[in-house]
């Protein structure tokens, strides 16, 4: 698995060039976003994915590339075997995970708020017990660790938030973080910029080969 990440404010983004560079079906996905920030982040993500496919000779510039989405909205590449991807974004950052097996990825800025308003919906009973015992100084970071781990899991298994976040337990307190009773997936928590939480959920046999920052220039 390789993880690419990019800051759209640092990136010198020639939107017209990228719009004409990526396949029509990629651009169709990008244009579903109406807000400028969402559009730009999606455009960069699909550009990174396309250049990866070209660079690794998985496709040529003449290969028609299509995207299929499952019933819960998870995207897949049609006709390209053993190539899975997942996209996340937060603030000015966008990240893309590309693997030969199912993968989920989530990046979140650690913005403080009243966590008591949401913990019943996000955390399982065991997670709540662990969380509520923490000092206030640790709660913000820990909440987002839980969130990114759980979000990456539901993205990896392809259900998205159709699967209630509080319906499963992420054993953050274990030496090897896992979902209770789940043996097919594992987690990585990735180092990133200050005040961000970054998690990947992948097949138990998968590993991260590289993590690369992409700076796009004209």
C-alpha atoms as a PDB file:
ATOM      1  CA  UNK A   1       0.000   0.000   0.000  1.00  0.00           C
ATOM      2  CA  UNK A   2       1.121   3.534  -0.788  1.00  0.00           C
ATOM      3  CA  UNK A   3      -0.342   6.671   0.743  1.00  0.00           C
ATOM      4  CA  UNK A   4      -0.144  10.011  -1.025  1.00  0.00           C
ATOM      5  CA  UNK A   5      -1.079  13.319   0.575  1.00  0.00           C
ATOM      6  CA  UNK A   6      -1.158  16.879  -0.686  1.00  0.00           C
ATOM      7  CA  UNK A   7      -1.963  20.368   0.565  1.00  0.00           C
ATOM      8  CA  UNK A   8      -4.149  22.113  -1.991  1.00  0.00           C
ATOM      9  CA  UNK A   9      -2.970  25.561  -0.862  1.00  0.00           C
ATOM     10  CA  UNK A  10       0.697  24.675  -1.303  1.00  0.00           C
ATOM     11  CA  UNK A  11      -0.022  22.881  -4.567  1.00  0.00           C
ATOM     12  CA  UNK A  12       0.116  25.095  -7.654  1.00  0.00           C
ATOM     13  CA  UNK A  13      -3.179  23.840  -8.959  1.00  0.00           C
ATOM     14  CA  UNK A  14      -3.928  24.409 -12.634  1.00  0.00           C
ATOM     15  CA  UNK A  15      -7.526  23.243 -12.497  1.00  0.00           C
ATOM     16  CA  UNK A  16      -8.053  23.526 -16.244  1.00  0.00           C
ATOM     17  CA  UNK A  17      -5.023  21.305 -16.944  1.00  0.00           C
ATOM     18  CA  UNK A  18      -6.092  18.625 -14.466  1.00  0.00           C
ATOM     19  CA  UNK A  19      -9.703  18.685 -15.649  1.00  0.00           C
ATOM     20  CA  UNK A  20      -8.457  17.907 -19.140  1.00  0.00           C
ATOM     21  CA  UNK A  21      -5.857  15.429 -17.926  1.00  0.00           C
ATOM     22  CA  UNK A  22      -7.948  13.013 -15.878  1.00  0.00           C
ATOM     23  CA  UNK A  23     -10.439  10.573 -17.460  1.00  0.00           C
ATOM     24  CA  UNK A  24     -14.020  11.811 -18.014  1.00  0.00           C
ATOM     25  CA  UNK A  25     -15.380   9.404 -15.412  1.00  0.00           C
ATOM     26  CA  UNK A  26     -12.963  10.759 -12.808  1.00  0.00           C
ATOM     27  CA  UNK A  27     -14.014  14.306 -13.674  1.00  0.00           C
ATOM     28  CA  UNK A  28     -17.653  13.278 -13.370  1.00  0.00           C
ATOM     29  CA  UNK A  29     -16.991  12.245  -9.771  1.00  0.00           C
ATOM     30  CA  UNK A  30     -15.181  15.503  -9.054  1.00  0.00           C
ATOM     31  CA  UNK A  31     -18.020  17.622 -10.439  1.00  0.00           C
ATOM     32  CA  UNK A  32     -20.459  16.155  -7.946  1.00  0.00           C
ATOM     33  CA  UNK A  33     -18.893  18.534  -5.434  1.00  0.00           C
ATOM     34  CA  UNK A  34     -20.369  22.032  -5.634  1.00  0.00           C
ATOM     35  CA  UNK A  35     -18.333  23.783  -2.950  1.00  0.00           C
ATOM     36  CA  UNK A  36     -15.007  25.133  -4.208  1.00  0.00           C
ATOM     37  CA  UNK A  37     -12.896  23.561  -1.447  1.00  0.00           C
ATOM     38  CA  UNK A  38     -14.524  20.130  -1.862  1.00  0.00           C
ATOM     39  CA  UNK A  39     -14.100  20.360  -5.634  1.00  0.00           C
ATOM     40  CA  UNK A  40     -10.406  21.223  -5.418  1.00  0.00           C
ATOM     41  CA  UNK A  41      -9.659  18.472  -2.911  1.00  0.00           C
ATOM     42  CA  UNK A  42     -11.469  15.878  -5.022  1.00  0.00           C
ATOM     43  CA  UNK A  43      -9.741  17.091  -8.182  1.00  0.00           C
ATOM     44  CA  UNK A  44      -6.302  16.675  -6.595  1.00  0.00           C
ATOM     45  CA  UNK A  45      -7.202  13.237  -5.216  1.00  0.00           C
ATOM     46  CA  UNK A  46      -8.326  11.839  -8.553  1.00  0.00           C
ATOM     47  CA  UNK A  47      -5.351  13.416 -10.315  1.00  0.00           C
ATOM     48  CA  UNK A  48      -2.997  11.650  -7.887  1.00  0.00           C
ATOM     49  CA  UNK A  49      -4.819   8.356  -8.462  1.00  0.00           C
ATOM     50  CA  UNK A  50      -4.679   8.733 -12.239  1.00  0.00           C
ATOM     51  CA  UNK A  51      -0.976   9.581 -12.298  1.00  0.00           C
ATOM     52  CA  UNK A  52      -0.284   6.573 -10.064  1.00  0.00           C
ATOM     53  CA  UNK A  53      -2.080   4.279 -12.509  1.00  0.00           C
ATOM     54  CA  UNK A  54      -0.125   5.718 -15.432  1.00  0.00           C
ATOM     55  CA  UNK A  55       3.274   5.748 -13.718  1.00  0.00           C
ATOM     56  CA  UNK A  56       2.941   2.117 -12.638  1.00  0.00           C
ATOM     57  CA  UNK A  57       1.757   1.099 -16.117  1.00  0.00           C
ATOM     58  CA  UNK A  58      -1.516  -0.223 -14.734  1.00  0.00           C
ATOM     59  CA  UNK A  59      -3.225   1.698 -17.525  1.00  0.00           C
ATOM     60  CA  UNK A  60      -2.191   3.752 -20.544  1.00  0.00           C
ATOM     61  CA  UNK A  61      -3.503   7.175 -21.497  1.00  0.00           C
ATOM     62  CA  UNK A  62      -5.797   5.381 -23.948  1.00  0.00           C
ATOM     63  CA  UNK A  63      -7.309   3.041 -21.367  1.00  0.00           C
ATOM     64  CA  UNK A  64     -10.943   3.885 -20.601  1.00  0.00           C
ATOM     65  CA  UNK A  65     -11.138   4.117 -16.820  1.00  0.00           C
ATOM     66  CA  UNK A  66     -14.511   3.837 -15.134  1.00  0.00           C
ATOM     67  CA  UNK A  67     -15.628   4.018 -11.529  1.00  0.00           C
ATOM     68  CA  UNK A  68     -18.272   1.852  -9.926  1.00  0.00           C
ATOM     69  CA  UNK A  69     -19.792   2.610  -6.514  1.00  0.00           C
ATOM     70  CA  UNK A  70     -21.284  -0.010  -4.251  1.00  0.00           C
ATOM     71  CA  UNK A  71     -24.661   0.450  -2.581  1.00  0.00           C
ATOM     72  CA  UNK A  72     -23.066   2.525   0.167  1.00  0.00           C
ATOM     73  CA  UNK A  73     -21.072   4.806  -2.128  1.00  0.00           C
ATOM     74  CA  UNK A  74     -17.606   3.263  -1.926  1.00  0.00           C
ATOM     75  CA  UNK A  75     -15.796   3.744  -5.272  1.00  0.00           C
ATOM     76  CA  UNK A  76     -13.989   1.003  -7.194  1.00  0.00           C
ATOM     77  CA  UNK A  77     -12.077   0.941 -10.466  1.00  0.00           C
ATOM     78  CA  UNK A  78     -13.851  -1.157 -13.085  1.00  0.00           C
ATOM     79  CA  UNK A  79     -11.725  -3.647 -15.008  1.00  0.00           C
ATOM     80  CA  UNK A  80      -8.534  -3.089 -13.003  1.00  0.00           C
ATOM     81  CA  UNK A  81      -7.771  -6.101 -10.844  1.00  0.00           C
ATOM     82  CA  UNK A  82      -6.152  -5.870  -7.418  1.00  0.00           C
ATOM     83  CA  UNK A  83      -6.168  -2.087  -7.296  1.00  0.00           C
ATOM     84  CA  UNK A  84      -8.222  -0.528  -4.517  1.00  0.00           C
ATOM     85  CA  UNK A  85      -8.222   3.072  -3.376  1.00  0.00           C
ATOM     86  CA  UNK A  86      -9.722   5.325  -0.754  1.00  0.00           C
ATOM     87  CA  UNK A  87      -9.757   9.092  -0.343  1.00  0.00           C
ATOM     88  CA  UNK A  88      -9.967  11.374   2.680  1.00  0.00           C
ATOM     89  CA  UNK A  89      -9.650  15.096   3.264  1.00  0.00           C
ATOM     90  CA  UNK A  90      -9.628  17.597   6.096  1.00  0.00           C
ATOM     91  CA  UNK A  91      -9.009  21.307   5.844  1.00  0.00           C
ATOM     92  CA  UNK A  92      -6.518  21.938   3.050  1.00  0.00           C
ATOM     93  CA  UNK A  93      -5.217  18.368   3.095  1.00  0.00           C
ATOM     94  CA  UNK A  94      -6.242  15.478   0.876  1.00  0.00           C
ATOM     95  CA  UNK A  95      -4.898  11.922   1.070  1.00  0.00           C
ATOM     96  CA  UNK A  96      -5.227   8.866  -1.158  1.00  0.00           C
ATOM     97  CA  UNK A  97      -4.472   5.274  -0.149  1.00  0.00           C
ATOM     98  CA  UNK A  98      -3.823   2.801  -2.978  1.00  0.00           C
ATOM     99  CA  UNK A  99      -3.562  -0.921  -2.260  1.00  0.00           C
ATOM    100  CA  UNK A 100      -3.986  -4.373  -3.767  1.00  0.00           C
ATOM    101  CA  UNK A 101      -6.719  -5.106  -1.199  1.00  0.00           C
ATOM    102  CA  UNK A 102      -9.618  -3.305   0.483  1.00  0.00           C
ATOM    103  CA  UNK A 103      -8.529  -0.174   2.306  1.00  0.00           C
ATOM    104  CA  UNK A 104     -10.072   2.686   4.260  1.00  0.00           C
ATOM    105  CA  UNK A 105      -8.432   5.947   5.254  1.00  0.00           C
ATOM    106  CA  UNK A 106      -9.456   8.926   7.367  1.00  0.00           C
ATOM    107  CA  UNK A 107      -7.818  12.232   8.257  1.00  0.00           C
ATOM    108  CA  UNK A 108      -9.324  14.699  10.731  1.00  0.00           C
ATOM    109  CA  UNK A 109      -8.285  18.012  12.238  1.00  0.00           C
ATOM    110  CA  UNK A 110      -8.547  17.836  16.026  1.00  0.00           C
ATOM    111  CA  UNK A 111     -11.010  20.637  16.670  1.00  0.00           C
ATOM    112  CA  UNK A 112     -12.343  20.731  20.200  1.00  0.00           C
ATOM    113  CA  UNK A 113     -16.090  20.754  20.898  1.00  0.00           C
ATOM    114  CA  UNK A 114     -18.516  19.310  23.450  1.00  0.00           C
ATOM    115  CA  UNK A 115     -17.811  15.607  22.944  1.00  0.00           C
ATOM    116  CA  UNK A 116     -20.625  14.679  25.323  1.00  0.00           C
ATOM    117  CA  UNK A 117     -23.075  15.627  22.577  1.00  0.00           C
ATOM    118  CA  UNK A 118     -21.888  12.864  20.259  1.00  0.00           C
ATOM    119  CA  UNK A 119     -20.164  10.103  22.209  1.00  0.00           C
ATOM    120  CA  UNK A 120     -23.365   8.062  22.519  1.00  0.00           C
ATOM    121  CA  UNK A 121     -23.555   7.940  18.722  1.00  0.00           C
ATOM    122  CA  UNK A 122     -19.849   7.399  18.063  1.00  0.00           C
ATOM    123  CA  UNK A 123     -18.473   5.238  20.879  1.00  0.00           C
ATOM    124  CA  UNK A 124     -19.483   1.777  22.027  1.00  0.00           C
ATOM    125  CA  UNK A 125     -20.082   1.180  25.735  1.00  0.00           C
ATOM    126  CA  UNK A 126     -16.542  -0.134  26.280  1.00  0.00           C
ATOM    127  CA  UNK A 127     -15.081   2.812  24.375  1.00  0.00           C
ATOM    128  CA  UNK A 128     -17.141   5.277  26.421  1.00  0.00           C
ATOM    129  CA  UNK A 129     -15.893   3.806  29.696  1.00  0.00           C
ATOM    130  CA  UNK A 130     -12.299   4.196  28.481  1.00  0.00           C
ATOM    131  CA  UNK A 131     -12.921   7.710  27.140  1.00  0.00           C
ATOM    132  CA  UNK A 132     -14.730   9.112  30.179  1.00  0.00           C
ATOM    133  CA  UNK A 133     -11.926   8.020  32.511  1.00  0.00           C
ATOM    134  CA  UNK A 134      -9.423  10.204  30.661  1.00  0.00           C
ATOM    135  CA  UNK A 135      -8.329  13.613  31.847  1.00  0.00           C
ATOM    136  CA  UNK A 136      -9.855  16.528  29.925  1.00  0.00           C
ATOM    137  CA  UNK A 137      -6.459  17.295  28.385  1.00  0.00           C
ATOM    138  CA  UNK A 138      -6.447  13.923  26.601  1.00  0.00           C
ATOM    139  CA  UNK A 139     -10.053  13.779  25.454  1.00  0.00           C
ATOM    140  CA  UNK A 140      -9.785  15.803  22.239  1.00  0.00           C
ATOM    141  CA  UNK A 141      -6.911  13.811  20.753  1.00  0.00           C
ATOM    142  CA  UNK A 142      -8.403  10.506  21.924  1.00  0.00           C
ATOM    143  CA  UNK A 143     -11.827  11.253  20.468  1.00  0.00           C
ATOM    144  CA  UNK A 144     -10.312  11.910  17.046  1.00  0.00           C
ATOM    145  CA  UNK A 145      -8.174   8.799  17.301  1.00  0.00           C
ATOM    146  CA  UNK A 146     -11.337   6.800  17.888  1.00  0.00           C
ATOM    147  CA  UNK A 147     -13.132   8.625  15.093  1.00  0.00           C
ATOM    148  CA  UNK A 148     -10.448   8.165  12.440  1.00  0.00           C
ATOM    149  CA  UNK A 149      -9.920   4.509  13.319  1.00  0.00           C
ATOM    150  CA  UNK A 150     -13.643   3.767  13.213  1.00  0.00           C
ATOM    151  CA  UNK A 151     -14.200   5.808  10.051  1.00  0.00           C
ATOM    152  CA  UNK A 152     -11.317   4.056   8.289  1.00  0.00           C
ATOM    153  CA  UNK A 153     -12.829   0.696   9.269  1.00  0.00           C
ATOM    154  CA  UNK A 154     -16.305   1.375   7.874  1.00  0.00           C
ATOM    155  CA  UNK A 155     -14.680   2.725   4.705  1.00  0.00           C
ATOM    156  CA  UNK A 156     -12.503  -0.380   4.378  1.00  0.00           C
ATOM    157  CA  UNK A 157     -15.426  -2.781   4.730  1.00  0.00           C
ATOM    158  CA  UNK A 158     -17.447  -0.665   2.316  1.00  0.00           C
ATOM    159  CA  UNK A 159     -20.444   0.213   4.467  1.00  0.00           C
ATOM    160  CA  UNK A 160     -19.646   3.817   5.251  1.00  0.00           C
ATOM    161  CA  UNK A 161     -21.752   5.328   8.008  1.00  0.00           C
ATOM    162  CA  UNK A 162     -24.608   2.938   7.234  1.00  0.00           C
ATOM    163  CA  UNK A 163     -22.866   0.865   9.909  1.00  0.00           C
ATOM    164  CA  UNK A 164     -23.425   2.701  13.187  1.00  0.00           C
ATOM    165  CA  UNK A 165     -20.161   3.878  14.696  1.00  0.00           C
ATOM    166  CA  UNK A 166     -21.249   2.783  18.169  1.00  0.00           C
ATOM    167  CA  UNK A 167     -22.084  -0.743  17.005  1.00  0.00           C
ATOM    168  CA  UNK A 168     -18.481  -1.971  17.182  1.00  0.00           C
ATOM    169  CA  UNK A 169     -15.546  -1.529  19.530  1.00  0.00           C
ATOM    170  CA  UNK A 170     -12.115  -0.295  18.508  1.00  0.00           C
ATOM    171  CA  UNK A 171      -9.616  -1.470  21.110  1.00  0.00           C
ATOM    172  CA  UNK A 172      -7.559   1.681  21.350  1.00  0.00           C
ATOM    173  CA  UNK A 173      -6.194   0.485  24.683  1.00  0.00           C
ATOM    174  CA  UNK A 174      -4.616  -2.659  23.170  1.00  0.00           C
ATOM    175  CA  UNK A 175      -1.007  -2.975  22.057  1.00  0.00           C
ATOM    176  CA  UNK A 176      -2.305  -3.915  18.612  1.00  0.00           C
ATOM    177  CA  UNK A 177      -5.358  -1.784  17.879  1.00  0.00           C
ATOM    178  CA  UNK A 178      -8.190  -3.831  16.417  1.00  0.00           C
ATOM    179  CA  UNK A 179     -11.956  -4.069  16.151  1.00  0.00           C
ATOM    180  CA  UNK A 180     -13.250  -6.596  18.674  1.00  0.00           C
ATOM    181  CA  UNK A 181     -13.961  -9.892  16.914  1.00  0.00           C
ATOM    182  CA  UNK A 182     -12.582  -8.733  13.543  1.00  0.00           C
ATOM    183  CA  UNK A 183      -9.615 -10.745  12.269  1.00  0.00           C
ATOM    184  CA  UNK A 184      -9.447  -9.695   8.623  1.00  0.00           C
ATOM    185  CA  UNK A 185      -8.412  -6.063   9.083  1.00  0.00           C
ATOM    186  CA  UNK A 186      -5.756  -4.133  10.968  1.00  0.00           C
ATOM    187  CA  UNK A 187      -4.972  -0.473  11.656  1.00  0.00           C
ATOM    188  CA  UNK A 188      -2.159   1.996  11.250  1.00  0.00           C
ATOM    189  CA  UNK A 189      -2.091   5.394  12.943  1.00  0.00           C
ATOM    190  CA  UNK A 190       0.093   7.643  10.833  1.00  0.00           C
ATOM    191  CA  UNK A 191       2.310  10.532  11.898  1.00  0.00           C
ATOM    192  CA  UNK A 192       1.076  13.789  10.424  1.00  0.00           C
ATOM    193  CA  UNK A 193       1.057  17.511  11.059  1.00  0.00           C
ATOM    194  CA  UNK A 194       0.224  18.877  14.500  1.00  0.00           C
ATOM    195  CA  UNK A 195      -3.406  18.606  15.624  1.00  0.00           C
ATOM    196  CA  UNK A 196      -4.356  16.029  12.995  1.00  0.00           C
ATOM    197  CA  UNK A 197      -5.328  12.400  13.467  1.00  0.00           C
ATOM    198  CA  UNK A 198      -4.684  10.039  10.556  1.00  0.00           C
ATOM    199  CA  UNK A 199      -5.668   6.370  10.390  1.00  0.00           C
ATOM    200  CA  UNK A 200      -5.675   3.562   7.847  1.00  0.00           C
ATOM    201  CA  UNK A 201      -7.567   0.277   7.992  1.00  0.00           C
ATOM    202  CA  UNK A 202      -6.422  -2.474   5.652  1.00  0.00           C
ATOM    203  CA  UNK A 203      -6.284  -6.204   5.049  1.00  0.00           C
ATOM    204  CA  UNK A 204      -4.430  -8.115   7.753  1.00  0.00           C
ATOM    205  CA  UNK A 205      -1.732  -9.086   5.218  1.00  0.00           C
ATOM    206  CA  UNK A 206      -1.238  -5.545   3.902  1.00  0.00           C
ATOM    207  CA  UNK A 207       1.450  -3.065   4.938  1.00  0.00           C
ATOM    208  CA  UNK A 208       2.341   0.525   4.161  1.00  0.00           C
ATOM    209  CA  UNK A 209       5.255   0.598   1.720  1.00  0.00           C
ATOM    210  CA  UNK A 210       5.560   4.350   1.490  1.00  0.00           C
ATOM    211  CA  UNK A 211       3.925   7.633   2.448  1.00  0.00           C
ATOM    212  CA  UNK A 212       4.580  10.418  -0.041  1.00  0.00           C
ATOM    213  CA  UNK A 213       3.732  14.112  -0.032  1.00  0.00           C
ATOM    214  CA  UNK A 214       2.728  15.305  -3.494  1.00  0.00           C
ATOM    215  CA  UNK A 215       3.403  18.884  -4.561  1.00  0.00           C
ATOM    216  CA  UNK A 216       1.786  19.546  -7.908  1.00  0.00           C
ATOM    217  CA  UNK A 217       3.344  22.258 -10.046  1.00  0.00           C
ATOM    218  CA  UNK A 218       2.476  23.555 -13.484  1.00  0.00           C
END
